[in-house]
Amino acid sequence: MTVLSDHAVAKQKGGSAVLDIVLLHGWGLNSGIWADYKQLLQAQYPHWRVHSLDLPGYGTQADKPSSSDLAALASSCLERAPKKAVWVGWSLGGMVAMQAAMNDARKQIVGLQLIGASARFVTGDDWPQGVDPAIFQRFADELKADYQQALEMFLLLQSGANKGARVLAKKALASIAQYNDPSADTLQLGIDCLAKSDLRPLLASSDVFEQLPVQVVVGRLDRVANGEGGRLLAQQLGGNLVEIQSGHAPFLTHADDVLGALTSLVADIDC
């Protein structure tokens, strides 16, 4: 886990500059997943303005058409995001954030924290560091059949045996349930996006990340994303790697650790 220097802590605790933070959720969920974590950020750093954006087809954007095209999802988020913001992308949201950074002609993004993310989410002939797409398709079918029940099982799986984390997972489920469920088409488009998206060639040819501060957060116990994919991503982007003894959603189960890592990233950004 990243340990902050006294200087970094002092810079953030004592600073008064306004900073925008954009949170992007993963596939199948909505911005409600960030509810508790967003409150933590705002309590610790009142001068941070925290924006939890919904991907098209989810949450507040449930009436908007979704897409299986990563660039289209990224463009939609860029249009709604504030300027000069640090983006925090989780899972599919991490892939969207990376694509957005490469599309970011107006330089709206000043830093990236990528949680449970990878350049390619599913396995391929030259990419064993992914997950079997059949697993996601099976989960998509379960969500289509009974969204709330499948989502509850997923969140409880991420929380592990820790009683406190399971309580947080239940709270997250309640926050997600405040919005309309995504349609079956939206869920399938998300699966299609994860199955076909491969950012490796774009990342290899882009010079965006040479100047953009990047941090990759990997859960060592992640049973959704392949941790090795996250480690390789940090190497490819030249970013800092933070490993936490957590599952796929460390901002739920290890929120203080994730915030500590974010604070370290922010301390290195000249906003």
C-alpha atoms as a PDB file:
ATOM      1  CA  MET A   1       0.000   0.000   0.000  1.00  0.00           C
ATOM      2  CA  THR A   2       1.248   3.474  -0.851  1.00  0.00           C
ATOM      3  CA  VAL A   3       2.479   5.457   2.151  1.00  0.00           C
ATOM      4  CA  LEU A   4       2.127   9.221   1.917  1.00  0.00           C
ATOM      5  CA  SER A   5       5.002  11.469   2.816  1.00  0.00           C
ATOM      6  CA  ASP A   6       4.407  14.145   5.446  1.00  0.00           C
ATOM      7  CA  HIS A   7       4.774  16.702   2.666  1.00  0.00           C
ATOM      8  CA  ALA A   8       2.066  15.065   0.554  1.00  0.00           C
ATOM      9  CA  VAL A   9      -0.332  14.880   3.475  1.00  0.00           C
ATOM     10  CA  ALA A  10       0.318  18.482   4.447  1.00  0.00           C
ATOM     11  CA  LYS A  11      -0.150  19.608   0.866  1.00  0.00           C
ATOM     12  CA  GLN A  12      -3.615  18.086   0.687  1.00  0.00           C
ATOM     13  CA  LYS A  13      -4.793  18.685   4.252  1.00  0.00           C
ATOM     14  CA  GLY A  14      -3.699  22.278   4.251  1.00  0.00           C
ATOM     15  CA  GLY A  15      -4.409  23.124   0.613  1.00  0.00           C
ATOM     16  CA  SER A  16      -7.475  25.083  -0.358  1.00  0.00           C
ATOM     17  CA  ALA A  17      -7.348  24.827  -4.150  1.00  0.00           C
ATOM     18  CA  VAL A  18     -10.532  23.453  -5.666  1.00  0.00           C
ATOM     19  CA  LEU A  19     -10.054  20.135  -7.403  1.00  0.00           C
ATOM     20  CA  ASP A  20     -12.581  18.177  -9.458  1.00  0.00           C
ATOM     21  CA  ILE A  21     -12.693  14.389  -9.127  1.00  0.00           C
ATOM     22  CA  VAL A  22     -14.649  12.304 -11.661  1.00  0.00           C
ATOM     23  CA  LEU A  23     -15.750   8.782 -10.650  1.00  0.00           C
ATOM     24  CA  LEU A  24     -16.693   6.263 -13.349  1.00  0.00           C
ATOM     25  CA  HIS A  25     -18.492   3.051 -12.399  1.00  0.00           C
ATOM     26  CA  GLY A  26     -18.107  -0.400 -13.908  1.00  0.00           C
ATOM     27  CA  TRP A  27     -20.311  -2.478 -16.178  1.00  0.00           C
ATOM     28  CA  GLY A  28     -23.793  -3.397 -15.002  1.00  0.00           C
ATOM     29  CA  LEU A  29     -23.946  -0.853 -12.167  1.00  0.00           C
ATOM     30  CA  ASN A  30     -24.407   2.898 -11.865  1.00  0.00           C
ATOM     31  CA  SER A  31     -23.030   5.905  -9.999  1.00  0.00           C
ATOM     32  CA  GLY A  32     -24.791   4.764  -6.807  1.00  0.00           C
ATOM     33  CA  ILE A  33     -21.900   2.346  -6.236  1.00  0.00           C
ATOM     34  CA  TRP A  34     -19.769   5.359  -5.269  1.00  0.00           C
ATOM     35  CA  ALA A  35     -22.191   6.821  -2.673  1.00  0.00           C
ATOM     36  CA  ASP A  36     -20.246   5.996   0.506  1.00  0.00           C
ATOM     37  CA  TYR A  37     -16.846   6.567  -1.072  1.00  0.00           C
ATOM     38  CA  LYS A  38     -17.975   9.927  -2.436  1.00  0.00           C
ATOM     39  CA  GLN A  39     -19.061  10.971   1.063  1.00  0.00           C
ATOM     40  CA  LEU A  40     -15.652   9.940   2.416  1.00  0.00           C
ATOM     41  CA  LEU A  41     -13.822  12.017  -0.184  1.00  0.00           C
ATOM     42  CA  GLN A  42     -15.958  15.079   0.497  1.00  0.00           C
ATOM     43  CA  ALA A  43     -15.585  14.706   4.267  1.00  0.00           C
ATOM     44  CA  GLN A  44     -11.793  14.354   4.108  1.00  0.00           C
ATOM     45  CA  TYR A  45     -11.244  17.013   1.440  1.00  0.00           C
ATOM     46  CA  PRO A  46     -14.076  19.572   1.381  1.00  0.00           C
ATOM     47  CA  HIS A  47     -12.300  21.529  -1.356  1.00  0.00           C
ATOM     48  CA  TRP A  48     -12.628  18.566  -3.724  1.00  0.00           C
ATOM     49  CA  ARG A  49     -15.687  18.607  -5.968  1.00  0.00           C
ATOM     50  CA  VAL A  50     -16.636  14.995  -6.582  1.00  0.00           C
ATOM     51  CA  HIS A  51     -18.669  14.033  -9.654  1.00  0.00           C
ATOM     52  CA  SER A  52     -19.938  10.463 -10.065  1.00  0.00           C
ATOM     53  CA  LEU A  53     -20.835  10.118 -13.738  1.00  0.00           C
ATOM     54  CA  ASP A  54     -23.130   7.480 -15.169  1.00  0.00           C
ATOM     55  CA  LEU A  55     -22.201   5.718 -18.381  1.00  0.00           C
ATOM     56  CA  PRO A  56     -24.859   5.988 -21.114  1.00  0.00           C
ATOM     57  CA  GLY A  57     -27.704   3.581 -20.369  1.00  0.00           C
ATOM     58  CA  TYR A  58     -27.137   3.529 -16.594  1.00  0.00           C
ATOM     59  CA  GLY A  59     -28.405   5.474 -13.580  1.00  0.00           C
ATOM     60  CA  THR A  60     -29.176   9.089 -14.445  1.00  0.00           C
ATOM     61  CA  GLN A  61     -28.410   8.237 -18.079  1.00  0.00           C
ATOM     62  CA  ALA A  62     -30.727   5.199 -18.190  1.00  0.00           C
ATOM     63  CA  ASP A  63     -32.849   6.846 -20.889  1.00  0.00           C
ATOM     64  CA  LYS A  64     -29.815   7.462 -23.109  1.00  0.00           C
ATOM     65  CA  PRO A  65     -28.723   4.866 -25.679  1.00  0.00           C
ATOM     66  CA  SER A  66     -25.675   2.893 -24.606  1.00  0.00           C
ATOM     67  CA  SER A  67     -22.958   1.612 -26.916  1.00  0.00           C
ATOM     68  CA  SER A  68     -20.498  -1.236 -27.307  1.00  0.00           C
ATOM     69  CA  ASP A  69     -17.962   1.270 -28.646  1.00  0.00           C
ATOM     70  CA  LEU A  70     -15.475   2.413 -26.026  1.00  0.00           C
ATOM     71  CA  ALA A  71     -14.767   5.680 -27.864  1.00  0.00           C
ATOM     72  CA  ALA A  72     -18.476   6.569 -27.874  1.00  0.00           C
ATOM     73  CA  LEU A  73     -18.752   5.928 -24.128  1.00  0.00           C
ATOM     74  CA  ALA A  74     -15.645   8.044 -23.528  1.00  0.00           C
ATOM     75  CA  SER A  75     -16.967  10.919 -25.639  1.00  0.00           C
ATOM     76  CA  SER A  76     -20.238  10.957 -23.706  1.00  0.00           C
ATOM     77  CA  CYS A  77     -18.366  11.187 -20.404  1.00  0.00           C
ATOM     78  CA  LEU A  78     -16.019  13.911 -21.647  1.00  0.00           C
ATOM     79  CA  GLU A  79     -19.007  16.005 -22.712  1.00  0.00           C
ATOM     80  CA  ARG A  80     -20.437  15.879 -19.170  1.00  0.00           C
ATOM     81  CA  ALA A  81     -17.221  16.062 -17.149  1.00  0.00           C
ATOM     82  CA  PRO A  82     -15.690  19.218 -15.676  1.00  0.00           C
ATOM     83  CA  LYS A  83     -12.452  20.646 -16.978  1.00  0.00           C
ATOM     84  CA  LYS A  84      -9.132  19.928 -15.258  1.00  0.00           C
ATOM     85  CA  ALA A  85     -10.283  16.902 -13.320  1.00  0.00           C
ATOM     86  CA  VAL A  86      -8.693  13.767 -11.941  1.00  0.00           C
ATOM     87  CA  TRP A  87     -10.581  10.756 -13.258  1.00  0.00           C
ATOM     88  CA  VAL A  88     -11.066   7.603 -11.186  1.00  0.00           C
ATOM     89  CA  GLY A  89     -12.206   4.701 -13.358  1.00  0.00           C
ATOM     90  CA  TRP A  90     -13.222   1.326 -11.984  1.00  0.00           C
ATOM     91  CA  SER A  91     -13.288  -1.836 -14.126  1.00  0.00           C
ATOM     92  CA  LEU A  92     -15.019  -0.930 -17.425  1.00  0.00           C
ATOM     93  CA  GLY A  93     -14.953   2.663 -16.169  1.00  0.00           C
ATOM     94  CA  GLY A  94     -11.159   2.413 -16.123  1.00  0.00           C
ATOM     95  CA  MET A  95     -11.101   1.446 -19.788  1.00  0.00           C
ATOM     96  CA  VAL A  96     -13.460   4.323 -20.568  1.00  0.00           C
ATOM     97  CA  ALA A  97     -11.168   6.697 -18.642  1.00  0.00           C
ATOM     98  CA  MET A  98      -8.104   5.573 -20.608  1.00  0.00           C
ATOM     99  CA  GLN A  99      -9.960   5.997 -23.898  1.00  0.00           C
ATOM    100  CA  ALA A 100     -11.171   9.424 -22.759  1.00  0.00           C
ATOM    101  CA  ALA A 101      -7.600  10.488 -21.977  1.00  0.00           C
ATOM    102  CA  MET A 102      -6.573   9.596 -25.531  1.00  0.00           C
ATOM    103  CA  ASN A 103      -9.622  11.467 -26.932  1.00  0.00           C
ATOM    104  CA  ASP A 104      -9.054  14.458 -24.659  1.00  0.00           C
ATOM    105  CA  ALA A 105      -8.239  17.215 -27.132  1.00  0.00           C
ATOM    106  CA  ARG A 106      -9.215  19.920 -24.614  1.00  0.00           C
ATOM    107  CA  LYS A 107      -6.950  18.471 -21.909  1.00  0.00           C
ATOM    108  CA  GLN A 108      -9.761  18.078 -19.398  1.00  0.00           C
ATOM    109  CA  ILE A 109      -8.090  15.149 -17.631  1.00  0.00           C
ATOM    110  CA  VAL A 110      -5.125  15.945 -15.373  1.00  0.00           C
ATOM    111  CA  GLY A 111      -4.646  12.546 -13.732  1.00  0.00           C
ATOM    112  CA  LEU A 112      -5.960   8.979 -13.769  1.00  0.00           C
ATOM    113  CA  GLN A 113      -6.544   6.441 -11.023  1.00  0.00           C
ATOM    114  CA  LEU A 114      -7.472   3.099 -12.591  1.00  0.00           C
ATOM    115  CA  ILE A 115      -9.016   0.521 -10.242  1.00  0.00           C
ATOM    116  CA  GLY A 116      -9.431  -3.119 -11.240  1.00  0.00           C
ATOM    117  CA  ALA A 117      -8.726  -2.140 -14.849  1.00  0.00           C
ATOM    118  CA  SER A 118      -6.787  -3.595 -17.735  1.00  0.00           C
ATOM    119  CA  ALA A 119      -5.934  -2.716 -21.338  1.00  0.00           C
ATOM    120  CA  ARG A 120      -7.930  -5.782 -22.348  1.00  0.00           C
ATOM    121  CA  PHE A 121     -10.467  -7.315 -20.004  1.00  0.00           C
ATOM    122  CA  VAL A 122     -11.007 -10.715 -21.576  1.00  0.00           C
ATOM    123  CA  THR A 123      -8.608 -13.427 -22.641  1.00  0.00           C
ATOM    124  CA  GLY A 124      -7.251 -13.717 -26.178  1.00  0.00           C
ATOM    125  CA  ASP A 125      -4.785 -15.828 -28.113  1.00  0.00           C
ATOM    126  CA  ASP A 126      -1.983 -13.457 -27.099  1.00  0.00           C
ATOM    127  CA  TRP A 127      -3.508 -12.305 -23.826  1.00  0.00           C
ATOM    128  CA  PRO A 128      -3.868 -14.864 -21.021  1.00  0.00           C
ATOM    129  CA  GLN A 129      -4.055 -12.009 -18.478  1.00  0.00           C
ATOM    130  CA  GLY A 130      -7.790 -11.597 -18.948  1.00  0.00           C
ATOM    131  CA  VAL A 131     -10.926 -13.419 -17.904  1.00  0.00           C
ATOM    132  CA  ASP A 132     -13.114 -15.856 -19.803  1.00  0.00           C
ATOM    133  CA  PRO A 133     -15.818 -13.867 -21.689  1.00  0.00           C
ATOM    134  CA  ALA A 134     -18.244 -16.699 -20.990  1.00  0.00           C
ATOM    135  CA  ILE A 135     -18.130 -15.738 -17.303  1.00  0.00           C
ATOM    136  CA  PHE A 136     -19.360 -12.239 -18.112  1.00  0.00           C
ATOM    137  CA  GLN A 137     -22.015 -13.524 -20.465  1.00  0.00           C
ATOM    138  CA  ARG A 138     -23.332 -15.817 -17.737  1.00  0.00           C
ATOM    139  CA  PHE A 139     -23.449 -12.910 -15.292  1.00  0.00           C
ATOM    140  CA  ALA A 140     -25.224 -10.771 -17.890  1.00  0.00           C
ATOM    141  CA  ASP A 141     -27.864 -13.457 -18.304  1.00  0.00           C
ATOM    142  CA  GLU A 142     -28.335 -13.568 -14.516  1.00  0.00           C
ATOM    143  CA  LEU A 143     -28.723  -9.782 -14.386  1.00  0.00           C
ATOM    144  CA  LYS A 144     -31.296  -9.865 -17.169  1.00  0.00           C
ATOM    145  CA  ALA A 145     -33.253 -12.534 -15.306  1.00  0.00           C
ATOM    146  CA  ASP A 146     -33.185 -10.848 -11.871  1.00  0.00           C
ATOM    147  CA  TYR A 147     -31.104  -7.685 -11.749  1.00  0.00           C
ATOM    148  CA  GLN A 148     -31.357  -6.960  -8.024  1.00  0.00           C
ATOM    149  CA  GLN A 149     -30.635 -10.506  -6.876  1.00  0.00           C
ATOM    150  CA  ALA A 150     -27.659 -10.978  -9.215  1.00  0.00           C
ATOM    151  CA  LEU A 151     -26.256  -7.591  -8.237  1.00  0.00           C
ATOM    152  CA  GLU A 152     -26.568  -8.379  -4.546  1.00  0.00           C
ATOM    153  CA  MET A 153     -24.686 -11.651  -4.998  1.00  0.00           C
ATOM    154  CA  PHE A 154     -21.977  -9.865  -6.959  1.00  0.00           C
ATOM    155  CA  LEU A 155     -21.447  -7.161  -4.333  1.00  0.00           C
ATOM    156  CA  LEU A 156     -21.437  -9.637  -1.469  1.00  0.00           C
ATOM    157  CA  LEU A 157     -18.875 -11.720  -3.336  1.00  0.00           C
ATOM    158  CA  GLN A 158     -16.598  -8.676  -3.588  1.00  0.00           C
ATOM    159  CA  SER A 159     -16.907  -7.906   0.118  1.00  0.00           C
ATOM    160  CA  GLY A 160     -15.628 -11.316   1.258  1.00  0.00           C
ATOM    161  CA  ALA A 161     -16.136 -12.552   4.826  1.00  0.00           C
ATOM    162  CA  ASN A 162     -15.610  -9.163   6.471  1.00  0.00           C
ATOM    163  CA  LYS A 163     -18.873  -8.249   8.232  1.00  0.00           C
ATOM    164  CA  GLY A 164     -18.297  -4.510   7.970  1.00  0.00           C
ATOM    165  CA  ALA A 165     -17.561  -4.776   4.254  1.00  0.00           C
ATOM    166  CA  ARG A 166     -20.752  -6.767   3.729  1.00  0.00           C
ATOM    167  CA  VAL A 167     -22.730  -4.012   5.427  1.00  0.00           C
ATOM    168  CA  LEU A 168     -21.150  -1.511   3.020  1.00  0.00           C
ATOM    169  CA  ALA A 169     -22.033  -3.777   0.103  1.00  0.00           C
ATOM    170  CA  LYS A 170     -25.667  -3.787   1.239  1.00  0.00           C
ATOM    171  CA  LYS A 171     -25.631   0.005   1.463  1.00  0.00           C
ATOM    172  CA  ALA A 172     -24.139   0.231  -2.018  1.00  0.00           C
ATOM    173  CA  LEU A 173     -26.916  -2.006  -3.336  1.00  0.00           C
ATOM    174  CA  ALA A 174     -29.512   0.326  -1.812  1.00  0.00           C
ATOM    175  CA  SER A 175     -27.852   3.347  -3.453  1.00  0.00           C
ATOM    176  CA  ILE A 176     -27.744   1.603  -6.834  1.00  0.00           C
ATOM    177  CA  ALA A 177     -31.411   0.644  -6.476  1.00  0.00           C
ATOM    178  CA  GLN A 178     -32.409   4.323  -6.307  1.00  0.00           C
ATOM    179  CA  TYR A 179     -32.026   4.447 -10.092  1.00  0.00           C
ATOM    180  CA  ASN A 180     -33.818   2.570 -12.838  1.00  0.00           C
ATOM    181  CA  ASP A 181     -32.315  -0.780 -13.780  1.00  0.00           C
ATOM    182  CA  PRO A 182     -30.354  -0.835 -17.039  1.00  0.00           C
ATOM    183  CA  SER A 183     -32.142  -2.450 -19.955  1.00  0.00           C
ATOM    184  CA  ALA A 184     -31.220  -5.890 -21.251  1.00  0.00           C
ATOM    185  CA  ASP A 185     -29.830  -4.203 -24.381  1.00  0.00           C
ATOM    186  CA  THR A 186     -27.601  -1.932 -22.305  1.00  0.00           C
ATOM    187  CA  LEU A 187     -26.245  -4.889 -20.344  1.00  0.00           C
ATOM    188  CA  GLN A 188     -25.518  -6.825 -23.533  1.00  0.00           C
ATOM    189  CA  LEU A 189     -23.817  -3.834 -25.173  1.00  0.00           C
ATOM    190  CA  GLY A 190     -21.562  -3.598 -22.127  1.00  0.00           C
ATOM    191  CA  ILE A 191     -20.629  -7.261 -22.442  1.00  0.00           C
ATOM    192  CA  ASP A 192     -19.922  -6.756 -26.142  1.00  0.00           C
ATOM    193  CA  CYS A 193     -17.736  -3.763 -25.299  1.00  0.00           C
ATOM    194  CA  LEU A 194     -15.692  -5.739 -22.779  1.00  0.00           C
ATOM    195  CA  ALA A 195     -15.368  -8.651 -25.189  1.00  0.00           C
ATOM    196  CA  LYS A 196     -14.048  -6.669 -28.150  1.00  0.00           C
ATOM    197  CA  SER A 197     -12.157  -3.744 -26.588  1.00  0.00           C
ATOM    198  CA  ASP A 198      -8.376  -3.971 -26.712  1.00  0.00           C
ATOM    199  CA  LEU A 199      -6.537  -0.766 -25.825  1.00  0.00           C
ATOM    200  CA  ARG A 200      -3.045  -2.238 -26.079  1.00  0.00           C
ATOM    201  CA  PRO A 201      -2.277  -0.978 -29.612  1.00  0.00           C
ATOM    202  CA  LEU A 202      -3.631   2.502 -28.863  1.00  0.00           C
ATOM    203  CA  LEU A 203      -1.749   2.739 -25.581  1.00  0.00           C
ATOM    204  CA  ALA A 204       1.473   1.641 -27.275  1.00  0.00           C
ATOM    205  CA  SER A 205       1.191   4.344 -29.953  1.00  0.00           C
ATOM    206  CA  SER A 206      -0.064   7.181 -27.732  1.00  0.00           C
ATOM    207  CA  ASP A 207       2.203   9.723 -26.056  1.00  0.00           C
ATOM    208  CA  VAL A 208      -0.612  11.031 -23.811  1.00  0.00           C
ATOM    209  CA  PHE A 209       0.492   9.019 -20.797  1.00  0.00           C
ATOM    210  CA  GLU A 210       4.074  10.299 -20.905  1.00  0.00           C
ATOM    211  CA  GLN A 211       2.865  13.513 -19.292  1.00  0.00           C
ATOM    212  CA  LEU A 212      -0.301  12.347 -17.521  1.00  0.00           C
ATOM    213  CA  PRO A 213       0.064  11.099 -13.927  1.00  0.00           C
ATOM    214  CA  VAL A 214      -1.405   7.593 -13.732  1.00  0.00           C
ATOM    215  CA  GLN A 215      -1.954   5.177 -10.874  1.00  0.00           C
ATOM    216  CA  VAL A 216      -3.178   1.587 -11.205  1.00  0.00           C
ATOM    217  CA  VAL A 217      -4.858  -0.038  -8.194  1.00  0.00           C
ATOM    218  CA  VAL A 218      -4.926  -3.850  -8.131  1.00  0.00           C
ATOM    219  CA  GLY A 219      -6.833  -6.013  -5.669  1.00  0.00           C
ATOM    220  CA  ARG A 220      -4.711  -9.042  -4.886  1.00  0.00           C
ATOM    221  CA  LEU A 221      -7.866 -11.087  -4.202  1.00  0.00           C
ATOM    222  CA  ASP A 222      -9.730  -9.856  -7.293  1.00  0.00           C
ATOM    223  CA  ARG A 223     -11.809 -12.667  -8.801  1.00  0.00           C
ATOM    224  CA  VAL A 224     -13.306 -10.515 -11.568  1.00  0.00           C
ATOM    225  CA  ALA A 225     -10.337  -8.782 -13.192  1.00  0.00           C
ATOM    226  CA  ASN A 226      -6.993 -10.486 -13.705  1.00  0.00           C
ATOM    227  CA  GLY A 227      -4.502  -8.765 -11.411  1.00  0.00           C
ATOM    228  CA  GLU A 228      -1.624  -9.474 -13.764  1.00  0.00           C
ATOM    229  CA  GLY A 229      -3.422  -7.432 -16.413  1.00  0.00           C
ATOM    230  CA  GLY A 230      -3.399  -4.467 -14.019  1.00  0.00           C
ATOM    231  CA  ARG A 231       0.287  -4.917 -13.248  1.00  0.00           C
ATOM    232  CA  LEU A 232       1.152  -4.985 -16.935  1.00  0.00           C
ATOM    233  CA  LEU A 233      -1.024  -1.914 -17.472  1.00  0.00           C
ATOM    234  CA  ALA A 234       0.954   0.040 -14.877  1.00  0.00           C
ATOM    235  CA  GLN A 235       4.167  -0.924 -16.670  1.00  0.00           C
ATOM    236  CA  GLN A 236       2.854   0.042 -20.094  1.00  0.00           C
ATOM    237  CA  LEU A 237       1.575   3.423 -18.906  1.00  0.00           C
ATOM    238  CA  GLY A 238       4.613   4.136 -16.761  1.00  0.00           C
ATOM    239  CA  GLY A 239       2.253   4.632 -13.837  1.00  0.00           C
ATOM    240  CA  ASN A 240       2.458   3.838 -10.149  1.00  0.00           C
ATOM    241  CA  LEU A 241       1.168   0.451  -9.046  1.00  0.00           C
ATOM    242  CA  VAL A 242      -0.764   0.147  -5.793  1.00  0.00           C
ATOM    243  CA  GLU A 243      -1.700  -3.349  -4.603  1.00  0.00           C
ATOM    244  CA  ILE A 244      -4.334  -3.826  -1.910  1.00  0.00           C
ATOM    245  CA  GLN A 245      -5.383  -7.029  -0.160  1.00  0.00           C
ATOM    246  CA  SER A 246      -8.900  -6.758  -1.539  1.00  0.00           C
ATOM    247  CA  GLY A 247     -11.307  -8.016  -4.172  1.00  0.00           C
ATOM    248  CA  HIS A 248     -12.576  -6.218  -7.255  1.00  0.00           C
ATOM    249  CA  ALA A 249     -14.092  -3.221  -5.434  1.00  0.00           C
ATOM    250  CA  PRO A 250     -11.479  -1.959  -2.938  1.00  0.00           C
ATOM    251  CA  PHE A 251     -13.169   1.447  -2.683  1.00  0.00           C
ATOM    252  CA  LEU A 252     -15.997  -0.392  -0.909  1.00  0.00           C
ATOM    253  CA  THR A 253     -13.969  -2.687   1.327  1.00  0.00           C
ATOM    254  CA  HIS A 254     -10.713  -0.723   1.735  1.00  0.00           C
ATOM    255  CA  ALA A 255     -11.871   2.834   1.137  1.00  0.00           C
ATOM    256  CA  ASP A 256      -9.189   4.476   3.286  1.00  0.00           C
ATOM    257  CA  ASP A 257      -6.444   2.683   1.362  1.00  0.00           C
ATOM    258  CA  VAL A 258      -7.864   3.722  -1.998  1.00  0.00           C
ATOM    259  CA  LEU A 259      -8.285   7.309  -0.821  1.00  0.00           C
ATOM    260  CA  GLY A 260      -4.736   7.330   0.526  1.00  0.00           C
ATOM    261  CA  ALA A 261      -3.488   6.231  -2.872  1.00  0.00           C
ATOM    262  CA  LEU A 262      -5.599   8.883  -4.619  1.00  0.00           C
ATOM    263  CA  THR A 263      -4.263  11.541  -2.289  1.00  0.00           C
ATOM    264  CA  SER A 264      -0.740  10.497  -3.229  1.00  0.00           C
ATOM    265  CA  LEU A 265      -1.593  10.804  -6.916  1.00  0.00           C
ATOM    266  CA  VAL A 266      -3.166  14.221  -6.451  1.00  0.00           C
ATOM    267  CA  ALA A 267      -0.118  15.453  -4.531  1.00  0.00           C
ATOM    268  CA  ASP A 268       1.966  14.908  -7.671  1.00  0.00           C
ATOM    269  CA  ILE A 269      -0.372  16.876  -9.921  1.00  0.00           C
ATOM    270  CA  ASP A 270       0.153  20.560 -10.534  1.00  0.00           C
ATOM    271  CA  CYS A 271      -3.470  21.701 -10.597  1.00  0.00           C
END
